[in-house]
Amino acid sequence: MKKHILLISGNPEKKSLSSAILESYANGIDKSKAEVKKIYLGDLKFDPVLWNGYSNLKLEEDLKKSQEAISWADHVVFIFPVWWGSMPALLKGWLDRILLPGFAFKYYKGSPLPERLLKGKTAHIIRTSGSPTIISFIPEILDGLNWRFNILGFNGIRLIKTTHFSGITSSLSQKRREKILQKSKSLAENF
């Protein structure tokens, strides 16, 4: 049975390194062993603000399709730049809007812990940042813990791998870019 792999570019800019990494990763997947779907958040039409908390859960069509893709996936790869120590606002808003009660988790009366409705899925996070590795080390650990326990783990998704490409600036050399893309492809080949 083929695995279902969902690739998500969390960068609002379509022509970004995140999108190039997504494509390289997709190219590294053995198509005989896995089916692939891609989501570029910058292409979606939705309001990223959860205005009324969980009191109004009406979703735009692109968010309904996003939930369908998450349900379909066995493995989800999130690819995004680190801005101000965390994910882009668009990615955070997308997560706020789709990881909803009844879809991602469910509370029962008398229980402080939720039922994790996305249990059995795995995830890989691939981040890029402009900071040198030594500077991005602490925020990367804290953000990784947030993803592992609060974002993914809360809903039952098990984070199995994180990859961080640091020192990414506007003057990124073509040689370094190619190395990053080759590494991204090999991450998929070795999955």
C-alpha atoms as a PDB file:
ATOM      1  CA  MET A   1       0.000   0.000   0.000  1.00  0.00           C
ATOM      2  CA  LYS A   2       1.341   3.424  -0.967  1.00  0.00           C
ATOM      3  CA  LYS A   3       2.033   6.003   1.719  1.00  0.00           C
ATOM      4  CA  HIS A   4       0.288   9.354   1.409  1.00  0.00           C
ATOM      5  CA  ILE A   5       2.683  12.285   1.840  1.00  0.00           C
ATOM      6  CA  LEU A   6       1.470  15.876   2.132  1.00  0.00           C
ATOM      7  CA  LEU A   7       4.006  18.656   1.514  1.00  0.00           C
ATOM      8  CA  ILE A   8       3.172  22.141   2.810  1.00  0.00           C
ATOM      9  CA  SER A   9       5.063  25.320   1.967  1.00  0.00           C
ATOM     10  CA  GLY A  10       4.382  27.790   4.769  1.00  0.00           C
ATOM     11  CA  ASN A  11       6.053  30.694   2.993  1.00  0.00           C
ATOM     12  CA  PRO A  12       3.502  33.171   1.556  1.00  0.00           C
ATOM     13  CA  GLU A  13       5.897  33.803  -1.368  1.00  0.00           C
ATOM     14  CA  LYS A  14       5.432  31.166  -4.088  1.00  0.00           C
ATOM     15  CA  LYS A  15       8.888  31.754  -5.603  1.00  0.00           C
ATOM     16  CA  SER A  16      10.727  31.075  -2.373  1.00  0.00           C
ATOM     17  CA  LEU A  17      13.392  28.740  -1.132  1.00  0.00           C
ATOM     18  CA  SER A  18      10.645  26.940   0.825  1.00  0.00           C
ATOM     19  CA  SER A  19       8.812  26.169  -2.418  1.00  0.00           C
ATOM     20  CA  ALA A  20      12.036  25.038  -4.089  1.00  0.00           C
ATOM     21  CA  ILE A  21      12.741  22.740  -1.120  1.00  0.00           C
ATOM     22  CA  LEU A  22       9.208  21.372  -1.396  1.00  0.00           C
ATOM     23  CA  GLU A  23       9.731  20.556  -5.087  1.00  0.00           C
ATOM     24  CA  SER A  24      13.127  18.933  -4.409  1.00  0.00           C
ATOM     25  CA  TYR A  25      11.629  16.858  -1.622  1.00  0.00           C
ATOM     26  CA  ALA A  26       8.763  15.814  -3.926  1.00  0.00           C
ATOM     27  CA  ASN A  27      11.274  14.798  -6.599  1.00  0.00           C
ATOM     28  CA  GLY A  28      13.064  12.583  -4.096  1.00  0.00           C
ATOM     29  CA  ILE A  29       9.967  10.567  -3.184  1.00  0.00           C
ATOM     30  CA  ASP A  30       9.780   7.121  -4.746  1.00  0.00           C
ATOM     31  CA  LYS A  31       6.465   7.372  -6.636  1.00  0.00           C
ATOM     32  CA  SER A  32       6.058   3.593  -6.541  1.00  0.00           C
ATOM     33  CA  LYS A  33       5.941   3.717  -2.731  1.00  0.00           C
ATOM     34  CA  ALA A  34       4.107   7.000  -2.069  1.00  0.00           C
ATOM     35  CA  GLU A  35       1.522   9.405  -3.430  1.00  0.00           C
ATOM     36  CA  VAL A  36       2.195  13.106  -2.968  1.00  0.00           C
ATOM     37  CA  LYS A  37      -0.030  16.147  -2.532  1.00  0.00           C
ATOM     38  CA  LYS A  38       1.259  19.707  -2.228  1.00  0.00           C
ATOM     39  CA  ILE A  39      -0.128  22.801  -0.546  1.00  0.00           C
ATOM     40  CA  TYR A  40       1.352  26.260  -1.104  1.00  0.00           C
ATOM     41  CA  LEU A  41      -0.240  28.437   1.582  1.00  0.00           C
ATOM     42  CA  GLY A  42       0.374  31.581  -0.461  1.00  0.00           C
ATOM     43  CA  ASP A  43      -2.044  30.227  -3.101  1.00  0.00           C
ATOM     44  CA  LEU A  44      -4.927  29.659  -0.687  1.00  0.00           C
ATOM     45  CA  LYS A  45      -7.789  32.089  -0.128  1.00  0.00           C
ATOM     46  CA  PHE A  46      -8.720  32.287   3.554  1.00  0.00           C
ATOM     47  CA  ASP A  47      -8.777  34.618   6.528  1.00  0.00           C
ATOM     48  CA  PRO A  48      -5.957  33.464   8.833  1.00  0.00           C
ATOM     49  CA  VAL A  49      -7.556  34.970  11.951  1.00  0.00           C
ATOM     50  CA  LEU A  50      -9.653  32.765  14.229  1.00  0.00           C
ATOM     51  CA  TRP A  51     -11.885  35.742  15.026  1.00  0.00           C
ATOM     52  CA  ASN A  52     -14.410  34.173  17.377  1.00  0.00           C
ATOM     53  CA  GLY A  53     -12.410  31.289  18.752  1.00  0.00           C
ATOM     54  CA  TYR A  54     -14.266  28.049  18.310  1.00  0.00           C
ATOM     55  CA  SER A  55     -17.736  29.614  18.299  1.00  0.00           C
ATOM     56  CA  ASN A  56     -17.880  30.042  14.499  1.00  0.00           C
ATOM     57  CA  LEU A  57     -16.208  27.187  12.656  1.00  0.00           C
ATOM     58  CA  LYS A  58     -17.322  28.000   9.117  1.00  0.00           C
ATOM     59  CA  LEU A  59     -14.414  27.250   6.771  1.00  0.00           C
ATOM     60  CA  GLU A  60     -13.525  28.665   3.403  1.00  0.00           C
ATOM     61  CA  GLU A  61     -13.268  26.115   0.575  1.00  0.00           C
ATOM     62  CA  ASP A  62      -9.430  26.113   0.617  1.00  0.00           C
ATOM     63  CA  LEU A  63      -9.460  25.293   4.341  1.00  0.00           C
ATOM     64  CA  LYS A  64     -11.934  22.439   3.799  1.00  0.00           C
ATOM     65  CA  LYS A  65      -9.579  21.073   1.126  1.00  0.00           C
ATOM     66  CA  SER A  66      -6.653  21.501   3.536  1.00  0.00           C
ATOM     67  CA  GLN A  67      -8.437  19.420   6.176  1.00  0.00           C
ATOM     68  CA  GLU A  68      -9.205  16.766   3.546  1.00  0.00           C
ATOM     69  CA  ALA A  69      -5.504  16.687   2.617  1.00  0.00           C
ATOM     70  CA  ILE A  70      -4.469  16.343   6.279  1.00  0.00           C
ATOM     71  CA  SER A  71      -6.986  13.503   6.707  1.00  0.00           C
ATOM     72  CA  TRP A  72      -5.636  11.805   3.560  1.00  0.00           C
ATOM     73  CA  ALA A  73      -1.987  12.071   4.627  1.00  0.00           C
ATOM     74  CA  ASP A  74       0.008   9.498   6.539  1.00  0.00           C
ATOM     75  CA  HIS A  75       3.003  11.837   6.712  1.00  0.00           C
ATOM     76  CA  VAL A  76       3.063  15.651   6.597  1.00  0.00           C
ATOM     77  CA  VAL A  77       6.134  17.737   5.767  1.00  0.00           C
ATOM     78  CA  PHE A  78       6.006  21.395   6.838  1.00  0.00           C
ATOM     79  CA  ILE A  79       8.534  23.608   5.048  1.00  0.00           C
ATOM     80  CA  PHE A  80       8.869  27.236   6.123  1.00  0.00           C
ATOM     81  CA  PRO A  81      11.242  30.098   6.927  1.00  0.00           C
ATOM     82  CA  VAL A  82      11.817  31.143  10.528  1.00  0.00           C
ATOM     83  CA  TRP A  83      10.760  34.756  10.955  1.00  0.00           C
ATOM     84  CA  TRP A  84      11.296  36.403  14.345  1.00  0.00           C
ATOM     85  CA  GLY A  85      12.024  33.032  15.942  1.00  0.00           C
ATOM     86  CA  SER A  86       8.908  31.249  14.711  1.00  0.00           C
ATOM     87  CA  MET A  87       6.787  30.314  11.706  1.00  0.00           C
ATOM     88  CA  PRO A  88       5.295  32.902   9.312  1.00  0.00           C
ATOM     89  CA  ALA A  89       1.958  34.375  10.420  1.00  0.00           C
ATOM     90  CA  LEU A  90       0.194  32.802   7.429  1.00  0.00           C
ATOM     91  CA  LEU A  91       1.231  29.295   8.541  1.00  0.00           C
ATOM     92  CA  LYS A  92       0.187  30.014  12.147  1.00  0.00           C
ATOM     93  CA  GLY A  93      -3.180  31.335  10.942  1.00  0.00           C
ATOM     94  CA  TRP A  94      -3.697  28.304   8.706  1.00  0.00           C
ATOM     95  CA  LEU A  95      -2.995  25.986  11.644  1.00  0.00           C
ATOM     96  CA  ASP A  96      -5.341  28.018  13.866  1.00  0.00           C
ATOM     97  CA  ARG A  97      -8.124  27.721  11.305  1.00  0.00           C
ATOM     98  CA  ILE A  98      -7.826  24.001  10.398  1.00  0.00           C
ATOM     99  CA  LEU A  99      -6.761  22.268  13.628  1.00  0.00           C
ATOM    100  CA  LEU A 100     -10.239  22.537  15.080  1.00  0.00           C
ATOM    101  CA  PRO A 101     -12.245  20.623  17.666  1.00  0.00           C
ATOM    102  CA  GLY A 102     -14.030  17.733  16.012  1.00  0.00           C
ATOM    103  CA  PHE A 103     -11.367  17.536  13.306  1.00  0.00           C
ATOM    104  CA  ALA A 104      -7.998  17.498  15.099  1.00  0.00           C
ATOM    105  CA  PHE A 105      -8.991  16.949  18.736  1.00  0.00           C
ATOM    106  CA  LYS A 106     -12.021  16.413  20.924  1.00  0.00           C
ATOM    107  CA  TYR A 107     -12.628  17.090  24.606  1.00  0.00           C
ATOM    108  CA  TYR A 108     -14.925  14.956  26.726  1.00  0.00           C
ATOM    109  CA  LYS A 109     -16.777  16.208  29.763  1.00  0.00           C
ATOM    110  CA  GLY A 110     -14.767  15.556  32.897  1.00  0.00           C
ATOM    111  CA  SER A 111     -11.486  14.933  31.078  1.00  0.00           C
ATOM    112  CA  PRO A 112      -8.723  17.558  31.024  1.00  0.00           C
ATOM    113  CA  LEU A 113      -6.990  15.816  28.118  1.00  0.00           C
ATOM    114  CA  PRO A 114      -8.286  15.749  24.558  1.00  0.00           C
ATOM    115  CA  GLU A 115      -8.776  12.774  22.299  1.00  0.00           C
ATOM    116  CA  ARG A 116      -6.160  13.165  19.566  1.00  0.00           C
ATOM    117  CA  LEU A 117      -8.098  12.705  16.330  1.00  0.00           C
ATOM    118  CA  LEU A 118      -5.064  12.799  14.009  1.00  0.00           C
ATOM    119  CA  LYS A 119      -3.294   9.951  15.781  1.00  0.00           C
ATOM    120  CA  GLY A 120      -1.184   7.650  13.609  1.00  0.00           C
ATOM    121  CA  LYS A 121       0.178  10.400  11.362  1.00  0.00           C
ATOM    122  CA  THR A 122       3.800  11.503  11.354  1.00  0.00           C
ATOM    123  CA  ALA A 123       5.479  14.794  10.471  1.00  0.00           C
ATOM    124  CA  HIS A 124       8.799  16.276   9.393  1.00  0.00           C
ATOM    125  CA  ILE A 125       9.587  19.964   9.786  1.00  0.00           C
ATOM    126  CA  ILE A 126      12.070  21.648   7.465  1.00  0.00           C
ATOM    127  CA  ARG A 127      12.996  25.197   8.499  1.00  0.00           C
ATOM    128  CA  THR A 128      15.194  27.834   6.945  1.00  0.00           C
ATOM    129  CA  SER A 129      16.555  30.889   8.758  1.00  0.00           C
ATOM    130  CA  GLY A 130      18.910  33.756   8.158  1.00  0.00           C
ATOM    131  CA  SER A 131      20.609  33.323  11.532  1.00  0.00           C
ATOM    132  CA  PRO A 132      23.882  31.471  11.873  1.00  0.00           C
ATOM    133  CA  THR A 133      23.466  28.008  13.414  1.00  0.00           C
ATOM    134  CA  ILE A 134      24.968  29.089  16.751  1.00  0.00           C
ATOM    135  CA  ILE A 135      22.411  31.915  17.121  1.00  0.00           C
ATOM    136  CA  SER A 136      19.378  29.943  15.919  1.00  0.00           C
ATOM    137  CA  PHE A 137      20.103  26.951  18.189  1.00  0.00           C
ATOM    138  CA  ILE A 138      18.019  27.995  21.233  1.00  0.00           C
ATOM    139  CA  PRO A 139      14.966  29.337  19.309  1.00  0.00           C
ATOM    140  CA  GLU A 140      15.070  26.176  17.169  1.00  0.00           C
ATOM    141  CA  ILE A 141      14.886  23.966  20.264  1.00  0.00           C
ATOM    142  CA  LEU A 142      12.028  25.990  21.765  1.00  0.00           C
ATOM    143  CA  ASP A 143      10.094  26.121  18.479  1.00  0.00           C
ATOM    144  CA  GLY A 144      10.703  22.393  17.983  1.00  0.00           C
ATOM    145  CA  LEU A 145       9.248  21.646  21.415  1.00  0.00           C
ATOM    146  CA  ASN A 146       6.243  23.823  20.591  1.00  0.00           C
ATOM    147  CA  TRP A 147       5.639  21.879  17.367  1.00  0.00           C
ATOM    148  CA  ARG A 148       6.264  18.487  19.007  1.00  0.00           C
ATOM    149  CA  PHE A 149       3.960  18.938  22.017  1.00  0.00           C
ATOM    150  CA  ASN A 150       1.593  21.861  21.436  1.00  0.00           C
ATOM    151  CA  ILE A 151       0.867  21.937  17.706  1.00  0.00           C
ATOM    152  CA  LEU A 152       1.310  18.413  16.388  1.00  0.00           C
ATOM    153  CA  GLY A 153       1.353  16.228  19.490  1.00  0.00           C
ATOM    154  CA  PHE A 154      -1.796  17.800  20.928  1.00  0.00           C
ATOM    155  CA  ASN A 155      -3.633  16.520  17.841  1.00  0.00           C
ATOM    156  CA  GLY A 156      -1.911  13.121  17.711  1.00  0.00           C
ATOM    157  CA  ILE A 157       0.644  13.779  14.961  1.00  0.00           C
ATOM    158  CA  ARG A 158       4.083  12.434  15.882  1.00  0.00           C
ATOM    159  CA  LEU A 159       7.020  14.641  14.887  1.00  0.00           C
ATOM    160  CA  ILE A 160       9.709  12.239  13.702  1.00  0.00           C
ATOM    161  CA  LYS A 161      12.273  14.591  12.180  1.00  0.00           C
ATOM    162  CA  THR A 162      13.327  18.230  12.051  1.00  0.00           C
ATOM    163  CA  THR A 163      15.774  19.731   9.601  1.00  0.00           C
ATOM    164  CA  HIS A 164      17.156  23.242   9.831  1.00  0.00           C
ATOM    165  CA  PHE A 165      19.017  25.154   7.136  1.00  0.00           C
ATOM    166  CA  SER A 166      20.624  28.241   8.721  1.00  0.00           C
ATOM    167  CA  GLY A 167      22.518  31.215   7.333  1.00  0.00           C
ATOM    168  CA  ILE A 168      19.995  31.725   4.521  1.00  0.00           C
ATOM    169  CA  THR A 169      20.251  35.303   3.287  1.00  0.00           C
ATOM    170  CA  SER A 170      19.351  37.180   0.113  1.00  0.00           C
ATOM    171  CA  SER A 171      22.955  36.670  -1.000  1.00  0.00           C
ATOM    172  CA  LEU A 172      22.660  32.865  -0.849  1.00  0.00           C
ATOM    173  CA  SER A 173      25.063  31.475  -3.428  1.00  0.00           C
ATOM    174  CA  GLN A 174      23.805  29.210  -6.190  1.00  0.00           C
ATOM    175  CA  LYS A 175      26.188  26.501  -4.969  1.00  0.00           C
ATOM    176  CA  ARG A 176      24.759  26.602  -1.420  1.00  0.00           C
ATOM    177  CA  ARG A 177      21.201  26.699  -2.773  1.00  0.00           C
ATOM    178  CA  GLU A 178      21.887  23.572  -4.846  1.00  0.00           C
ATOM    179  CA  LYS A 179      23.352  21.802  -1.796  1.00  0.00           C
ATOM    180  CA  ILE A 180      20.212  22.601   0.198  1.00  0.00           C
ATOM    181  CA  LEU A 181      17.965  21.352  -2.596  1.00  0.00           C
ATOM    182  CA  GLN A 182      20.016  18.170  -3.002  1.00  0.00           C
ATOM    183  CA  LYS A 183      19.869  17.556   0.762  1.00  0.00           C
ATOM    184  CA  SER A 184      16.082  18.078   0.634  1.00  0.00           C
ATOM    185  CA  LYS A 185      15.763  15.539  -2.150  1.00  0.00           C
ATOM    186  CA  SER A 186      17.888  13.023  -0.224  1.00  0.00           C
ATOM    187  CA  LEU A 187      15.717  13.517   2.902  1.00  0.00           C
ATOM    188  CA  ALA A 188      12.762  12.203   0.882  1.00  0.00           C
ATOM    189  CA  GLU A 189      14.796   9.394  -0.665  1.00  0.00           C
ATOM    190  CA  ASN A 190      15.765   8.212   2.804  1.00  0.00           C
ATOM    191  CA  PHE A 191      12.279   8.491   4.319  1.00  0.00           C
END
